[in-house]
Amino acid sequence: NLQPFPEDLPPILAKALAGRGVSSLYSHQVQAWQAVQRGENVILATGTASGKTLGYNLPVLAALLAVPLTRALYLFPTKALTQDQKSGLDLFQSSIENLRSAIYDGDTPASHRSAIRKNACILFTNPDMLHTGILPHHTNWSDFFHNLRFVVIDEMHTYRVVFGSHVANVIRSLQRVAKFSGATPQFSLTS
């Protein structure tokens, strides 16, 4: 079920979508947009290649346009998916000035990590790196956590059994660090 772009979608995003051949959104994308605009957390559970990514990217990008200090944390279960999703977001790079996204994982060179901490608006990582490389060093990430507005957890169905319990505790720690830093991020989960 296709619907027109939401009226409050920033024109620059509508233009970027049109440039990619997208002239309307699926109803679940519009519903996700509306829920995020109301300040709600969102779970998008739809079929493969149904546009879940736009469901969380559009609200994050709109927030970045409105408040450039906005920060978002994207969690993916695999490096391949992380690379793919970053490539998709990079398509908006030419439309949105100062869209600074970065991957922060075990393969990130140590020489790049400080700049990523200071400059990334959208940080792509995985639960293990969040647990071992970010949260224990949250004081080094204070500006990022202070401005953290969104947390995206993609492929939530992969976090099951013991690993799921571990990830749940990592997310609880993330919420405590964010709260300590003065932030209460919205969550978008996909499956």
C-alpha atoms as a PDB file:
ATOM      1  CA  ASN A   1       0.000   0.000   0.000  1.00  0.00           C
ATOM      2  CA  LEU A   2       1.714   3.193  -1.202  1.00  0.00           C
ATOM      3  CA  GLN A   3       1.129   6.603   0.322  1.00  0.00           C
ATOM      4  CA  PRO A   4       2.359  10.111  -0.484  1.00  0.00           C
ATOM      5  CA  PHE A   5       5.311  11.528   1.427  1.00  0.00           C
ATOM      6  CA  PRO A   6       4.299  12.875   4.848  1.00  0.00           C
ATOM      7  CA  GLU A   7       3.575  16.602   4.722  1.00  0.00           C
ATOM      8  CA  ASP A   8       6.206  17.274   7.391  1.00  0.00           C
ATOM      9  CA  LEU A   9       8.965  15.404   5.532  1.00  0.00           C
ATOM     10  CA  PRO A  10      11.699  17.976   4.856  1.00  0.00           C
ATOM     11  CA  PRO A  11      11.690  18.999   1.175  1.00  0.00           C
ATOM     12  CA  ILE A  12      15.380  18.167   0.845  1.00  0.00           C
ATOM     13  CA  LEU A  13      14.610  14.531   1.773  1.00  0.00           C
ATOM     14  CA  ALA A  14      11.651  14.391  -0.613  1.00  0.00           C
ATOM     15  CA  LYS A  15      13.920  15.708  -3.361  1.00  0.00           C
ATOM     16  CA  ALA A  16      16.642  13.166  -2.504  1.00  0.00           C
ATOM     17  CA  LEU A  17      14.091  10.352  -2.614  1.00  0.00           C
ATOM     18  CA  ALA A  18      12.727  11.571  -5.939  1.00  0.00           C
ATOM     19  CA  GLY A  19      16.293  11.634  -7.274  1.00  0.00           C
ATOM     20  CA  ARG A  20      16.491   7.937  -6.415  1.00  0.00           C
ATOM     21  CA  GLY A  21      13.209   7.252  -8.221  1.00  0.00           C
ATOM     22  CA  VAL A  22      11.077   7.072  -5.071  1.00  0.00           C
ATOM     23  CA  SER A  23       7.839   9.034  -5.415  1.00  0.00           C
ATOM     24  CA  SER A  24       5.834   7.519  -2.551  1.00  0.00           C
ATOM     25  CA  LEU A  25       6.340   5.494   0.612  1.00  0.00           C
ATOM     26  CA  TYR A  26       4.905   2.232   1.858  1.00  0.00           C
ATOM     27  CA  SER A  27       2.276   2.613   4.559  1.00  0.00           C
ATOM     28  CA  HIS A  28       4.581   1.075   7.201  1.00  0.00           C
ATOM     29  CA  GLN A  29       7.245   3.682   6.377  1.00  0.00           C
ATOM     30  CA  VAL A  30       4.716   6.494   6.831  1.00  0.00           C
ATOM     31  CA  GLN A  31       3.460   4.924  10.071  1.00  0.00           C
ATOM     32  CA  ALA A  32       7.031   4.657  11.373  1.00  0.00           C
ATOM     33  CA  TRP A  33       7.643   8.302  10.426  1.00  0.00           C
ATOM     34  CA  GLN A  34       4.501   9.416  12.272  1.00  0.00           C
ATOM     35  CA  ALA A  35       5.307   7.350  15.363  1.00  0.00           C
ATOM     36  CA  VAL A  36       8.838   8.754  15.599  1.00  0.00           C
ATOM     37  CA  GLN A  37       7.499  12.284  15.154  1.00  0.00           C
ATOM     38  CA  ARG A  38       5.214  11.618  18.154  1.00  0.00           C
ATOM     39  CA  GLY A  39       8.273  10.558  20.172  1.00  0.00           C
ATOM     40  CA  GLU A  40       7.430   6.866  20.215  1.00  0.00           C
ATOM     41  CA  ASN A  41       9.731   3.884  19.908  1.00  0.00           C
ATOM     42  CA  VAL A  42       9.122   1.804  16.780  1.00  0.00           C
ATOM     43  CA  ILE A  43       9.291  -1.832  15.735  1.00  0.00           C
ATOM     44  CA  LEU A  44       9.182  -2.455  11.981  1.00  0.00           C
ATOM     45  CA  ALA A  45       8.523  -6.111  11.187  1.00  0.00           C
ATOM     46  CA  THR A  46       8.017  -6.632   7.460  1.00  0.00           C
ATOM     47  CA  GLY A  47       9.327  -8.813   4.665  1.00  0.00           C
ATOM     48  CA  THR A  48      12.757  -8.644   3.110  1.00  0.00           C
ATOM     49  CA  ALA A  49      13.299  -5.665   0.786  1.00  0.00           C
ATOM     50  CA  SER A  50      10.152  -3.931   2.044  1.00  0.00           C
ATOM     51  CA  GLY A  51      11.826  -0.643   2.905  1.00  0.00           C
ATOM     52  CA  LYS A  52      12.511  -0.982   6.622  1.00  0.00           C
ATOM     53  CA  THR A  53      15.703   1.024   6.202  1.00  0.00           C
ATOM     54  CA  LEU A  54      13.855   4.146   5.042  1.00  0.00           C
ATOM     55  CA  GLY A  55      11.533   3.643   8.003  1.00  0.00           C
ATOM     56  CA  TYR A  56      14.342   4.537  10.373  1.00  0.00           C
ATOM     57  CA  ASN A  57      16.655   6.583   8.135  1.00  0.00           C
ATOM     58  CA  LEU A  58      14.122   9.266   7.219  1.00  0.00           C
ATOM     59  CA  PRO A  59      13.377  10.332  10.831  1.00  0.00           C
ATOM     60  CA  VAL A  60      17.084  10.305  11.689  1.00  0.00           C
ATOM     61  CA  LEU A  61      18.008  12.362   8.622  1.00  0.00           C
ATOM     62  CA  ALA A  62      15.167  14.822   9.271  1.00  0.00           C
ATOM     63  CA  ALA A  63      16.371  15.284  12.843  1.00  0.00           C
ATOM     64  CA  LEU A  64      19.925  15.888  11.605  1.00  0.00           C
ATOM     65  CA  LEU A  65      18.645  18.562   9.237  1.00  0.00           C
ATOM     66  CA  ALA A  66      16.759  20.270  12.065  1.00  0.00           C
ATOM     67  CA  VAL A  67      19.440  19.892  14.755  1.00  0.00           C
ATOM     68  CA  PRO A  68      22.907  19.183  13.330  1.00  0.00           C
ATOM     69  CA  LEU A  69      24.212  17.974  16.723  1.00  0.00           C
ATOM     70  CA  THR A  70      21.782  15.043  16.638  1.00  0.00           C
ATOM     71  CA  ARG A  71      23.476  11.673  16.981  1.00  0.00           C
ATOM     72  CA  ALA A  72      22.252   8.186  16.090  1.00  0.00           C
ATOM     73  CA  LEU A  73      23.621   4.752  16.886  1.00  0.00           C
ATOM     74  CA  TYR A  74      22.895   1.940  14.419  1.00  0.00           C
ATOM     75  CA  LEU A  75      23.482  -1.661  15.548  1.00  0.00           C
ATOM     76  CA  PHE A  76      23.778  -4.488  13.034  1.00  0.00           C
ATOM     77  CA  PRO A  77      24.506  -8.171  13.671  1.00  0.00           C
ATOM     78  CA  THR A  78      27.041  -8.611  10.846  1.00  0.00           C
ATOM     79  CA  LYS A  79      29.793  -6.565   9.225  1.00  0.00           C
ATOM     80  CA  ALA A  80      28.405  -7.260   5.746  1.00  0.00           C
ATOM     81  CA  LEU A  81      25.018  -5.817   6.702  1.00  0.00           C
ATOM     82  CA  THR A  82      26.726  -2.835   8.327  1.00  0.00           C
ATOM     83  CA  GLN A  83      28.665  -2.097   5.132  1.00  0.00           C
ATOM     84  CA  ASP A  84      25.527  -2.482   3.012  1.00  0.00           C
ATOM     85  CA  GLN A  85      23.447  -0.175   5.192  1.00  0.00           C
ATOM     86  CA  LYS A  86      26.155   2.470   5.337  1.00  0.00           C
ATOM     87  CA  SER A  87      26.401   2.407   1.550  1.00  0.00           C
ATOM     88  CA  GLY A  88      22.653   2.971   1.336  1.00  0.00           C
ATOM     89  CA  LEU A  89      22.814   5.911   3.724  1.00  0.00           C
ATOM     90  CA  ASP A  90      25.746   7.387   1.826  1.00  0.00           C
ATOM     91  CA  LEU A  91      23.385   7.899  -1.129  1.00  0.00           C
ATOM     92  CA  PHE A  92      21.944  10.818   0.869  1.00  0.00           C
ATOM     93  CA  GLN A  93      25.433  12.335   1.324  1.00  0.00           C
ATOM     94  CA  SER A  94      25.107  14.698  -1.637  1.00  0.00           C
ATOM     95  CA  SER A  95      21.722  15.962  -0.417  1.00  0.00           C
ATOM     96  CA  ILE A  96      22.506  16.535   3.241  1.00  0.00           C
ATOM     97  CA  GLU A  97      25.365  18.792   4.175  1.00  0.00           C
ATOM     98  CA  ASN A  98      27.474  17.546   7.074  1.00  0.00           C
ATOM     99  CA  LEU A  99      26.041  14.015   7.017  1.00  0.00           C
ATOM    100  CA  ARG A 100      28.901  12.289   8.757  1.00  0.00           C
ATOM    101  CA  SER A 101      28.474   8.578   9.229  1.00  0.00           C
ATOM    102  CA  ALA A 102      31.110   6.062  10.183  1.00  0.00           C
ATOM    103  CA  ILE A 103      31.588   2.411  10.958  1.00  0.00           C
ATOM    104  CA  TYR A 104      33.167   1.724  14.335  1.00  0.00           C
ATOM    105  CA  ASP A 105      34.035  -1.934  14.778  1.00  0.00           C
ATOM    106  CA  GLY A 106      37.010  -4.194  15.329  1.00  0.00           C
ATOM    107  CA  ASP A 107      38.338  -3.369  11.856  1.00  0.00           C
ATOM    108  CA  THR A 108      38.326   0.389  12.423  1.00  0.00           C
ATOM    109  CA  PRO A 109      41.957   1.556  12.508  1.00  0.00           C
ATOM    110  CA  ALA A 110      43.000   2.950  15.871  1.00  0.00           C
ATOM    111  CA  SER A 111      44.188   6.102  14.108  1.00  0.00           C
ATOM    112  CA  HIS A 112      40.602   6.826  12.936  1.00  0.00           C
ATOM    113  CA  ARG A 113      38.746   6.147  16.175  1.00  0.00           C
ATOM    114  CA  SER A 114      39.213   9.523  17.861  1.00  0.00           C
ATOM    115  CA  ALA A 115      37.934  11.413  14.811  1.00  0.00           C
ATOM    116  CA  ILE A 116      34.935   9.092  14.569  1.00  0.00           C
ATOM    117  CA  ARG A 117      34.100   9.672  18.252  1.00  0.00           C
ATOM    118  CA  LYS A 118      34.202  13.432  17.735  1.00  0.00           C
ATOM    119  CA  ASN A 119      32.597  13.772  14.319  1.00  0.00           C
ATOM    120  CA  ALA A 120      30.198  10.947  13.471  1.00  0.00           C
ATOM    121  CA  CYS A 121      26.524  11.876  13.447  1.00  0.00           C
ATOM    122  CA  ILE A 122      25.471   8.326  12.661  1.00  0.00           C
ATOM    123  CA  LEU A 123      27.602   5.567  14.133  1.00  0.00           C
ATOM    124  CA  PHE A 124      27.378   2.072  12.648  1.00  0.00           C
ATOM    125  CA  THR A 125      28.518  -0.709  14.960  1.00  0.00           C
ATOM    126  CA  ASN A 126      27.537  -4.049  16.457  1.00  0.00           C
ATOM    127  CA  PRO A 127      26.507  -5.123  19.970  1.00  0.00           C
ATOM    128  CA  ASP A 128      29.921  -6.595  20.787  1.00  0.00           C
ATOM    129  CA  MET A 129      31.784  -3.398  19.898  1.00  0.00           C
ATOM    130  CA  LEU A 130      29.230  -1.365  21.813  1.00  0.00           C
ATOM    131  CA  HIS A 131      29.841  -3.632  24.804  1.00  0.00           C
ATOM    132  CA  THR A 132      33.645  -3.779  24.666  1.00  0.00           C
ATOM    133  CA  GLY A 133      34.807  -0.698  22.760  1.00  0.00           C
ATOM    134  CA  ILE A 134      32.289   2.057  23.441  1.00  0.00           C
ATOM    135  CA  LEU A 135      30.347   1.731  26.704  1.00  0.00           C
ATOM    136  CA  PRO A 136      33.394   1.053  28.924  1.00  0.00           C
ATOM    137  CA  HIS A 137      34.921   4.249  27.479  1.00  0.00           C
ATOM    138  CA  HIS A 138      31.764   6.346  27.596  1.00  0.00           C
ATOM    139  CA  THR A 139      33.617   9.347  29.021  1.00  0.00           C
ATOM    140  CA  ASN A 140      35.496   9.561  25.713  1.00  0.00           C
ATOM    141  CA  TRP A 141      32.121   9.531  23.958  1.00  0.00           C
ATOM    142  CA  SER A 142      30.431  12.139  26.170  1.00  0.00           C
ATOM    143  CA  ASP A 143      29.462  14.513  23.342  1.00  0.00           C
ATOM    144  CA  PHE A 144      28.076  11.639  21.284  1.00  0.00           C
ATOM    145  CA  PHE A 145      26.007  10.267  24.171  1.00  0.00           C
ATOM    146  CA  HIS A 146      24.840  13.730  25.246  1.00  0.00           C
ATOM    147  CA  ASN A 147      23.359  14.276  21.775  1.00  0.00           C
ATOM    148  CA  LEU A 148      22.184  10.681  21.213  1.00  0.00           C
ATOM    149  CA  ARG A 149      18.616  10.881  19.969  1.00  0.00           C
ATOM    150  CA  PHE A 150      18.162   7.603  18.081  1.00  0.00           C
ATOM    151  CA  VAL A 151      19.184   3.983  18.500  1.00  0.00           C
ATOM    152  CA  VAL A 152      18.451   1.606  15.625  1.00  0.00           C
ATOM    153  CA  ILE A 153      18.656  -2.135  16.186  1.00  0.00           C
ATOM    154  CA  ASP A 154      18.417  -3.928  12.857  1.00  0.00           C
ATOM    155  CA  GLU A 155      17.520  -7.608  12.469  1.00  0.00           C
ATOM    156  CA  MET A 156      16.313  -7.833  16.068  1.00  0.00           C
ATOM    157  CA  HIS A 157      15.204 -11.429  15.534  1.00  0.00           C
ATOM    158  CA  THR A 158      18.870 -12.499  15.447  1.00  0.00           C
ATOM    159  CA  TYR A 159      19.304 -11.613  19.124  1.00  0.00           C
ATOM    160  CA  ARG A 160      17.933 -14.749  20.757  1.00  0.00           C
ATOM    161  CA  VAL A 161      18.748 -17.186  23.534  1.00  0.00           C
ATOM    162  CA  VAL A 162      21.939 -16.446  25.516  1.00  0.00           C
ATOM    163  CA  PHE A 163      23.227 -13.934  22.943  1.00  0.00           C
ATOM    164  CA  GLY A 164      19.857 -12.168  23.116  1.00  0.00           C
ATOM    165  CA  SER A 165      20.158 -11.918  26.913  1.00  0.00           C
ATOM    166  CA  HIS A 166      23.637 -10.467  26.520  1.00  0.00           C
ATOM    167  CA  VAL A 167      22.450  -7.894  23.971  1.00  0.00           C
ATOM    168  CA  ALA A 168      19.503  -6.955  26.215  1.00  0.00           C
ATOM    169  CA  ASN A 169      21.942  -6.198  29.037  1.00  0.00           C
ATOM    170  CA  VAL A 170      24.182  -4.202  26.683  1.00  0.00           C
ATOM    171  CA  ILE A 171      21.141  -2.133  25.670  1.00  0.00           C
ATOM    172  CA  ARG A 172      20.288  -1.556  29.340  1.00  0.00           C
ATOM    173  CA  SER A 173      23.848  -0.323  29.884  1.00  0.00           C
ATOM    174  CA  LEU A 174      23.504   1.922  26.834  1.00  0.00           C
ATOM    175  CA  GLN A 175      20.322   3.417  28.271  1.00  0.00           C
ATOM    176  CA  ARG A 176      22.044   4.084  31.619  1.00  0.00           C
ATOM    177  CA  VAL A 177      24.998   5.786  29.913  1.00  0.00           C
ATOM    178  CA  ALA A 178      22.670   7.856  27.740  1.00  0.00           C
ATOM    179  CA  LYS A 179      20.611   8.893  30.768  1.00  0.00           C
ATOM    180  CA  PHE A 180      23.779   9.787  32.681  1.00  0.00           C
ATOM    181  CA  SER A 181      24.763  11.950  29.696  1.00  0.00           C
ATOM    182  CA  GLY A 182      21.379  13.669  29.628  1.00  0.00           C
ATOM    183  CA  ALA A 183      19.852  11.810  26.677  1.00  0.00           C
ATOM    184  CA  THR A 184      16.779   9.646  26.286  1.00  0.00           C
ATOM    185  CA  PRO A 185      17.050   8.191  22.773  1.00  0.00           C
ATOM    186  CA  GLN A 186      14.178   6.787  20.777  1.00  0.00           C
ATOM    187  CA  PHE A 187      14.544   3.203  19.620  1.00  0.00           C
ATOM    188  CA  SER A 188      13.709   1.785  16.207  1.00  0.00           C
ATOM    189  CA  LEU A 189      13.953  -1.984  15.842  1.00  0.00           C
ATOM    190  CA  THR A 190      13.527  -3.954  12.646  1.00  0.00           C
ATOM    191  CA  SER A 191      12.878  -7.561  11.764  1.00  0.00           C
END
